[in-house]
Amino acid sequence: MIIVTGAAGFIGSCLVSKLNSSGYNNIVVVDDFSKTAKEKNLEGKNIMHWVERENFVNWIGSNQEEIEFIFHLGARTDTTEFDREVFNKLNLNYSKDVWTKCVDYQIPLVYASSAATYGLGELGYGDDESRIPQLMPLNPYGESKNEFDKWALAQEKKPFFWAGLKFFNVYGPNEYHKGRMASVIFHAFNQINETSKMKLFRSHKEGIADGHQERDFVSVTDVVQVCEFLMHHRKDSGIYNLGSGKARTFLDLARAVFKALGKEENIEFIDTPEDIRDTYQYYTEAPMEKLRSIGYEIPFLSLEQGIGDYVSNYLSSKKYY
């Protein structure tokens, strides 16, 4: 059995679909299934068992002989949530419990970390594990992810294979339920369809033009492909960046969405809200040499390729992956 936690969510449900397409139907999905907004993410997928999040840690002990691999993608991901106890419970302590079970039963584990651990990038964005204790995340979500990374690295006992993946700005199908936390591409598609224009934040940093703030945007189809690679690789444990490896501007993003929709560009700049202005990231880019060094050779989609696929094959028809 292959376990996917957070399976009803954005990346988790796409991973279930990817595994199904590769012939894996022995999938166990773990989540809080009371949230009906995510139900369609798992419709039509081949699933062996459904396990409630609160029961999962104990369930591992009862089923450990049949478990082949665990993808622990479930987490509280709201960067606007500031109740640290929520993150301590769901992101930190829960992940420790899953890790401990993987150690006890020697189950290989891939878990979701985040590029939010890098904060403003004061130490760069390289996935050098020696720098992780010095990172300065900007919010409790990023702190919870970094705390678990630090805890995992400090453990004397580890699963025989484990990998933490620092997801950068992931976009793609199955994020319909995410509301304000959905990708900029999702919001751009809706905004352009509704108003025929796109609003971008004005730059408040000297030397950077409006719309030239840069992020590393990565398609979820690339993310789940890396996950499947690691499931087969099962060596070179550690913490890895997972982005496209190429920073792109929000102006590039908006133009690609207009092009995918076949609409004329109409971009307007508005002030960045003052409450986020001081912590607003003007640049993120994932150095990907570490993942490449262990044998991952598949090219990542360009921003234009990824947006074209997302808009044409999913958003325009409200399809799921």
Protein backbone atom coordinates (compact mmCIF):
# COMPACT_ATOMS: atom_id res chain seq x y z
CA MET A 1 0.00 0.00 0.00
CA ILE A 2 1.08 3.55 -0.77
CA ILE A 3 -0.11 6.17 1.68
CA VAL A 4 -0.86 9.79 0.77
CA THR A 5 -1.75 12.14 3.63
CA GLY A 6 -3.49 15.39 2.74
CA ALA A 7 -4.86 13.31 -0.13
CA ALA A 8 -8.02 15.36 -0.63
CA GLY A 9 -5.97 18.55 -0.96
CA PHE A 10 -4.32 20.18 -3.94
CA ILE A 11 -0.96 18.42 -4.28
CA GLY A 12 -2.09 15.22 -2.53
CA SER A 13 -4.98 14.57 -4.91
CA CYS A 14 -2.77 15.23 -7.92
CA LEU A 15 -0.27 12.72 -6.56
CA VAL A 16 -3.02 10.09 -6.18
CA SER A 17 -3.95 10.66 -9.83
CA LYS A 18 -0.32 10.46 -10.93
CA LEU A 19 0.17 7.18 -9.08
CA ASN A 20 -3.04 5.78 -10.57
CA SER A 21 -1.84 6.69 -14.06
CA SER A 22 1.37 4.75 -13.36
CA GLY A 23 -0.64 1.64 -12.42
CA TYR A 24 -0.74 2.02 -8.65
CA ASN A 25 -4.24 1.36 -7.35
CA ASN A 26 -3.26 0.25 -3.84
CA ILE A 27 -3.55 3.82 -2.55
CA VAL A 28 -4.60 4.68 1.00
CA VAL A 29 -5.83 8.26 1.33
CA VAL A 30 -5.59 10.14 4.63
CA ASP A 31 -7.28 13.47 5.34
CA ASP A 32 -10.00 15.27 7.27
CA PHE A 33 -12.80 14.14 4.99
CA SER A 34 -15.41 16.33 6.67
CA LYS A 35 -14.43 19.23 4.39
CA THR A 36 -16.84 18.80 1.48
CA ALA A 37 -15.17 21.50 -0.66
CA LYS A 38 -12.39 19.02 -1.44
CA GLU A 39 -14.58 16.01 -2.32
CA LYS A 40 -14.29 16.41 -6.09
CA ASN A 41 -10.47 16.23 -5.89
CA LEU A 42 -10.72 12.47 -5.28
CA GLU A 43 -13.73 11.62 -7.45
CA GLY A 44 -13.07 8.82 -9.93
CA LYS A 45 -9.69 7.86 -8.48
CA ASN A 46 -8.70 4.29 -7.62
CA ILE A 47 -8.42 4.15 -3.83
CA MET A 48 -8.03 1.11 -1.59
CA HIS A 49 -8.79 2.64 1.83
CA TRP A 50 -9.87 5.96 3.30
CA VAL A 51 -8.42 6.80 6.73
CA GLU A 52 -9.39 9.79 8.85
CA ARG A 53 -6.46 12.01 9.79
CA GLU A 54 -7.02 11.59 13.54
CA ASN A 55 -6.90 7.78 13.27
CA PHE A 56 -3.91 7.50 10.94
CA VAL A 57 -0.98 7.29 13.36
CA ASN A 58 -2.56 4.35 15.20
CA TRP A 59 -3.65 2.83 11.88
CA ILE A 60 -0.01 2.63 10.78
CA GLY A 61 0.81 0.30 13.65
CA SER A 62 -2.04 -2.05 12.74
CA ASN A 63 -1.19 -2.14 9.02
CA GLN A 64 2.56 -1.59 8.91
CA GLU A 65 3.42 -4.88 7.20
CA GLU A 66 1.46 -3.87 4.10
CA ILE A 67 2.72 -0.28 3.84
CA GLU A 68 5.25 0.25 1.07
CA PHE A 69 5.67 4.04 1.16
CA ILE A 70 4.28 7.13 2.87
CA PHE A 71 3.88 10.55 1.25
CA HIS A 72 3.10 12.90 4.13
CA LEU A 73 1.68 15.97 2.37
CA GLY A 74 -1.05 16.84 4.84
CA ALA A 75 -0.56 20.12 6.73
CA ARG A 76 -2.19 23.37 7.72
CA THR A 77 -0.95 25.65 4.94
CA ASP A 78 -2.70 28.97 5.64
CA THR A 79 0.04 31.59 5.81
CA THR A 80 -2.43 34.10 7.31
CA GLU A 81 -3.13 31.88 10.34
CA PHE A 82 -1.23 33.07 13.40
CA ASP A 83 -2.38 30.55 16.02
CA ARG A 84 0.86 28.70 16.64
CA GLU A 85 -0.91 25.92 18.54
CA VAL A 86 -2.71 24.93 15.34
CA PHE A 87 0.61 24.57 13.53
CA ASN A 88 2.26 22.82 16.49
CA LYS A 89 -0.50 20.22 16.48
CA LEU A 90 -1.03 19.62 12.75
CA ASN A 91 2.35 20.42 11.18
CA LEU A 92 4.96 19.75 13.85
CA ASN A 93 3.77 17.16 16.37
CA TYR A 94 1.66 15.17 13.92
CA SER A 95 4.64 14.95 11.54
CA LYS A 96 6.86 13.79 14.40
CA ASP A 97 4.38 10.99 15.12
CA VAL A 98 4.36 9.90 11.47
CA TRP A 99 8.18 10.01 11.33
CA THR A 100 8.45 7.93 14.51
CA LYS A 101 6.18 5.23 13.07
CA CYS A 102 8.27 5.20 9.87
CA VAL A 103 11.36 4.65 12.02
CA ASP A 104 9.71 1.92 14.08
CA TYR A 105 8.60 -0.04 11.01
CA GLN A 106 11.28 1.14 8.54
CA ILE A 107 8.81 2.67 6.11
CA PRO A 108 10.27 5.10 3.52
CA LEU A 109 8.91 8.62 3.84
CA VAL A 110 8.62 11.74 1.70
CA TYR A 111 7.18 14.77 3.48
CA ALA A 112 6.20 18.30 2.49
CA SER A 113 8.40 21.11 3.70
CA SER A 114 8.12 24.59 2.16
CA ALA A 115 10.06 27.44 0.62
CA ALA A 116 8.33 29.56 3.27
CA THR A 117 11.15 28.37 5.54
CA TYR A 118 13.54 30.71 3.66
CA GLY A 119 11.82 33.90 4.85
CA LEU A 120 13.07 36.91 2.92
CA GLY A 121 15.98 34.88 1.57
CA GLU A 122 18.59 36.50 3.79
CA LEU A 123 20.68 33.31 3.52
CA GLY A 124 19.69 32.58 -0.06
CA TYR A 125 17.48 29.74 -1.25
CA GLY A 126 19.99 26.91 -1.44
CA ASP A 127 18.95 23.57 0.10
CA ASP A 128 22.15 23.23 2.12
CA GLU A 129 21.04 21.43 5.28
CA SER A 130 23.72 23.10 7.40
CA ARG A 131 21.92 26.45 6.95
CA ILE A 132 18.49 25.26 8.05
CA PRO A 133 18.94 26.13 11.76
CA GLN A 134 19.72 29.75 10.80
CA LEU A 135 16.70 30.32 8.53
CA MET A 136 14.18 33.01 9.52
CA PRO A 137 10.64 32.23 8.29
CA LEU A 138 8.18 35.13 8.16
CA ASN A 139 5.08 33.47 9.65
CA PRO A 140 3.99 30.62 11.94
CA TYR A 141 3.35 28.34 8.95
CA GLY A 142 6.94 28.71 7.73
CA GLU A 143 8.22 28.37 11.29
CA SER A 144 6.36 25.08 11.76
CA LYS A 145 7.85 23.65 8.57
CA ASN A 146 11.36 24.77 9.50
CA GLU A 147 11.02 23.41 13.03
CA PHE A 148 10.17 19.99 11.65
CA ASP A 149 13.08 20.12 9.19
CA LYS A 150 15.43 20.94 12.07
CA TRP A 151 13.93 18.18 14.23
CA ALA A 152 14.22 15.59 11.44
CA LEU A 153 17.87 16.41 10.77
CA ALA A 154 18.66 16.15 14.48
CA GLN A 155 17.19 12.67 14.89
CA GLU A 156 19.59 9.85 15.55
CA LYS A 157 17.03 7.33 14.28
CA LYS A 158 15.68 7.91 10.80
CA PRO A 159 13.68 5.91 8.23
CA PHE A 160 15.97 4.00 5.88
CA PHE A 161 14.94 6.52 3.21
CA TRP A 162 13.38 9.91 3.79
CA ALA A 163 13.15 13.20 1.93
CA GLY A 164 11.72 16.60 2.81
CA LEU A 165 10.61 18.66 -0.18
CA LYS A 166 10.68 22.45 -0.02
CA PHE A 167 7.81 23.31 -2.35
CA PHE A 168 8.08 26.74 -3.96
CA ASN A 169 5.04 28.44 -5.60
CA VAL A 170 3.05 25.43 -6.77
CA TYR A 171 0.14 25.96 -9.17
CA GLY A 172 -2.14 23.73 -11.20
CA PRO A 173 -5.38 21.73 -11.20
CA ASN A 174 -7.28 20.68 -8.06
CA GLU A 175 -6.79 23.95 -6.19
CA TYR A 176 -10.38 25.08 -6.74
CA HIS A 177 -11.16 24.73 -3.01
CA LYS A 178 -8.27 26.85 -1.74
CA GLY A 179 -9.95 30.26 -1.90
CA ARG A 180 -7.54 33.13 -1.21
CA MET A 181 -4.67 30.64 -0.73
CA ALA A 182 -4.94 29.40 -4.33
CA SER A 183 -2.15 30.28 -6.76
CA VAL A 184 -1.83 33.67 -8.45
CA ILE A 185 -2.51 31.91 -11.76
CA PHE A 186 -5.88 30.66 -10.49
CA HIS A 187 -6.83 34.16 -9.34
CA ALA A 188 -5.52 35.74 -12.55
CA PHE A 189 -7.67 33.42 -14.66
CA ASN A 190 -10.80 34.35 -12.73
CA GLN A 191 -10.01 38.06 -12.57
CA ILE A 192 -9.27 38.32 -16.29
CA ASN A 193 -12.42 36.39 -17.21
CA GLU A 194 -14.56 38.58 -14.97
CA THR A 195 -13.04 42.03 -15.63
CA SER A 196 -10.85 41.64 -18.75
CA LYS A 197 -7.93 43.03 -16.76
CA MET A 198 -5.39 41.94 -14.16
CA LYS A 199 -4.31 43.85 -11.07
CA LEU A 200 -0.72 43.39 -9.89
CA PHE A 201 1.05 44.83 -6.87
CA ARG A 202 3.11 47.92 -7.51
CA SER A 203 6.78 47.68 -6.53
CA HIS A 204 7.75 49.52 -3.35
CA LYS A 205 11.42 48.63 -3.63
CA GLU A 206 13.96 50.86 -5.30
CA GLY A 207 15.47 49.38 -8.44
CA ILE A 208 12.58 46.96 -9.09
CA ALA A 209 9.95 48.01 -11.63
CA ASP A 210 6.23 47.43 -11.11
CA GLY A 211 5.35 43.81 -11.86
CA HIS A 212 8.98 42.71 -11.81
CA GLN A 213 8.75 41.03 -8.42
CA GLU A 214 9.91 37.47 -9.09
CA ARG A 215 8.87 34.04 -7.83
CA ASP A 216 9.76 30.47 -8.66
CA PHE A 217 6.45 29.10 -9.98
CA VAL A 218 6.32 25.31 -10.39
CA SER A 219 3.57 23.19 -11.93
CA VAL A 220 1.98 20.56 -9.71
CA THR A 221 2.46 18.09 -12.56
CA ASP A 222 6.23 18.48 -12.10
CA VAL A 223 5.91 18.23 -8.32
CA VAL A 224 4.12 14.88 -8.40
CA GLN A 225 6.58 13.57 -10.98
CA VAL A 226 9.43 14.28 -8.56
CA CYS A 227 7.49 12.53 -5.79
CA GLU A 228 7.11 9.40 -7.93
CA PHE A 229 10.82 9.51 -8.82
CA LEU A 230 11.76 9.52 -5.13
CA MET A 231 9.43 6.61 -4.41
CA HIS A 232 11.50 4.51 -6.82
CA HIS A 233 14.89 6.09 -5.99
CA ARG A 234 14.86 5.40 -2.23
CA LYS A 235 18.36 6.60 -1.51
CA ASP A 236 20.17 9.90 -0.95
CA SER A 237 17.98 10.92 1.97
CA GLY A 238 17.77 14.61 2.81
CA ILE A 239 15.96 17.89 2.27
CA TYR A 240 15.51 19.11 -1.30
CA ASN A 241 14.23 22.21 -3.04
CA LEU A 242 11.33 21.62 -5.40
CA GLY A 243 10.76 24.53 -7.74
CA SER A 244 11.20 25.09 -11.46
CA GLY A 245 14.67 26.47 -10.86
CA LYS A 246 13.79 29.69 -12.68
CA ALA A 247 12.44 32.90 -11.12
CA ARG A 248 9.82 34.66 -13.26
CA THR A 249 8.07 38.00 -12.88
CA PHE A 250 4.41 38.52 -12.07
CA LEU A 251 4.26 40.47 -15.33
CA ASP A 252 5.38 37.31 -17.18
CA LEU A 253 2.68 35.36 -15.35
CA ALA A 254 -0.11 37.80 -16.18
CA ARG A 255 0.91 37.98 -19.84
CA ALA A 256 0.95 34.17 -20.09
CA VAL A 257 -2.59 33.94 -18.68
CA PHE A 258 -3.87 36.61 -21.11
CA LYS A 259 -2.24 34.69 -23.97
CA ALA A 260 -3.68 31.35 -22.85
CA LEU A 261 -7.14 32.94 -22.72
CA GLY A 262 -6.68 34.60 -26.10
CA LYS A 263 -7.35 38.02 -24.60
CA GLU A 264 -5.62 41.36 -25.06
CA GLU A 265 -3.30 42.38 -22.23
CA ASN A 266 -4.77 44.86 -19.75
CA ILE A 267 -2.62 45.10 -16.62
CA GLU A 268 -3.16 47.60 -13.78
CA PHE A 269 -0.89 48.21 -10.79
CA ILE A 270 -2.16 48.75 -7.25
CA ASP A 271 -0.33 49.46 -3.99
CA THR A 272 0.84 46.45 -1.99
CA PRO A 273 -1.24 46.41 1.23
CA GLU A 274 0.67 48.05 4.07
CA ASP A 275 0.14 45.11 6.45
CA ILE A 276 2.22 42.81 4.21
CA ARG A 277 4.53 45.36 2.62
CA ASP A 278 7.42 44.88 5.05
CA THR A 279 7.48 41.11 4.64
CA TYR A 280 6.68 40.95 0.93
CA GLN A 281 9.12 38.77 -1.01
CA TYR A 282 10.56 40.39 -4.12
CA TYR A 283 12.49 37.34 -5.28
CA THR A 284 12.52 33.58 -4.81
CA GLU A 285 14.31 30.99 -6.93
CA ALA A 286 15.03 27.36 -6.15
CA PRO A 287 18.55 26.15 -6.92
CA MET A 288 17.82 22.63 -8.18
CA GLU A 289 21.34 21.20 -8.43
CA LYS A 290 20.88 18.96 -5.38
CA LEU A 291 17.88 17.10 -6.84
CA ARG A 292 19.58 16.91 -10.23
CA SER A 293 22.71 15.47 -8.59
CA ILE A 294 20.83 12.34 -7.46
CA GLY A 295 19.61 11.56 -10.97
CA TYR A 296 16.41 13.52 -11.60
CA GLU A 297 16.79 14.51 -15.25
CA ILE A 298 13.25 15.37 -16.44
CA PRO A 299 12.98 19.03 -17.54
CA PHE A 300 10.55 21.26 -15.63
CA LEU A 301 7.78 23.02 -17.53
CA SER A 302 8.38 26.65 -18.34
CA LEU A 303 5.90 29.12 -16.86
CA GLU A 304 4.27 29.56 -20.29
CA GLN A 305 3.99 25.79 -20.83
CA GLY A 306 2.55 25.21 -17.37
CA ILE A 307 0.03 28.05 -17.57
CA GLY A 308 -1.03 27.03 -21.08
CA ASP A 309 -1.73 23.48 -19.89
CA TYR A 310 -3.49 24.62 -16.72
CA VAL A 311 -5.75 27.18 -18.42
CA SER A 312 -6.58 25.16 -21.54
CA ASN A 313 -6.98 21.68 -20.05
CA TYR A 314 -8.32 22.40 -16.56
CA LEU A 315 -9.45 25.90 -15.64
CA SER A 316 -11.37 26.64 -18.83
CA SER A 317 -13.50 23.51 -18.38
CA LYS A 318 -13.24 23.23 -14.57
CA LYS A 319 -11.66 19.80 -14.91
CA TYR A 320 -9.68 17.95 -12.25
CA TYR A 321 -6.36 16.15 -12.53
